[in-house]
Amino acid sequence: MPSVKVRMGEPIDKALRQLKKKLDKEGIMKAA
């Protein structure tokens, strides 16, 4: 499972967008 490291002070929505981008790239969203 891909993971995204969230740095201190980084907005959570930005981290979630990065995670979603990784999931889309790996085609996991289609399989879910």
C-alpha atoms as a PDB file:
ATOM      1  CA  MET A   1       0.000   0.000   0.000  1.00  0.00           C
ATOM      2  CA  PRO A   2       1.453   3.364  -0.962  1.00  0.00           C
ATOM      3  CA  SER A   3       2.005   5.821   1.832  1.00  0.00           C
ATOM      4  CA  VAL A   4       2.586   9.555   2.025  1.00  0.00           C
ATOM      5  CA  LYS A   5       4.712  11.101   4.730  1.00  0.00           C
ATOM      6  CA  VAL A   6       3.082  14.139   6.310  1.00  0.00           C
ATOM      7  CA  ARG A   7       5.596  16.674   7.545  1.00  0.00           C
ATOM      8  CA  MET A   8       4.968  18.730  10.659  1.00  0.00           C
ATOM      9  CA  GLY A   9       2.839  21.743   9.803  1.00  0.00           C
ATOM     10  CA  GLU A  10       1.833  20.399   6.394  1.00  0.00           C
ATOM     11  CA  PRO A  11      -1.880  20.751   5.629  1.00  0.00           C
ATOM     12  CA  ILE A  12      -3.593  17.350   5.802  1.00  0.00           C
ATOM     13  CA  ASP A  13      -5.619  18.024   2.650  1.00  0.00           C
ATOM     14  CA  LYS A  14      -2.384  18.479   0.707  1.00  0.00           C
ATOM     15  CA  ALA A  15      -1.130  15.120   1.978  1.00  0.00           C
ATOM     16  CA  LEU A  16      -4.453  13.484   1.069  1.00  0.00           C
ATOM     17  CA  ARG A  17      -4.210  14.844  -2.476  1.00  0.00           C
ATOM     18  CA  GLN A  18      -0.703  13.389  -2.792  1.00  0.00           C
ATOM     19  CA  LEU A  19      -1.975  10.019  -1.573  1.00  0.00           C
ATOM     20  CA  LYS A  20      -4.904  10.067  -3.992  1.00  0.00           C
ATOM     21  CA  LYS A  21      -2.532  10.894  -6.851  1.00  0.00           C
ATOM     22  CA  LYS A  22      -0.365   7.901  -5.959  1.00  0.00           C
ATOM     23  CA  LEU A  23      -3.406   5.634  -5.737  1.00  0.00           C
ATOM     24  CA  ASP A  24      -4.680   6.824  -9.115  1.00  0.00           C
ATOM     25  CA  LYS A  25      -1.265   6.268 -10.664  1.00  0.00           C
ATOM     26  CA  GLU A  26      -1.190   2.667  -9.437  1.00  0.00           C
ATOM     27  CA  GLY A  27      -4.762   1.981 -10.556  1.00  0.00           C
ATOM     28  CA  ILE A  28      -5.936   1.065  -7.068  1.00  0.00           C
ATOM     29  CA  MET A  29      -8.914   3.411  -7.208  1.00  0.00           C
ATOM     30  CA  LYS A  30     -10.308   1.494 -10.189  1.00  0.00           C
ATOM     31  CA  ALA A  31      -9.945  -1.831  -8.391  1.00  0.00           C
ATOM     32  CA  ALA A  32     -11.617  -0.623  -5.193  1.00  0.00           C
END
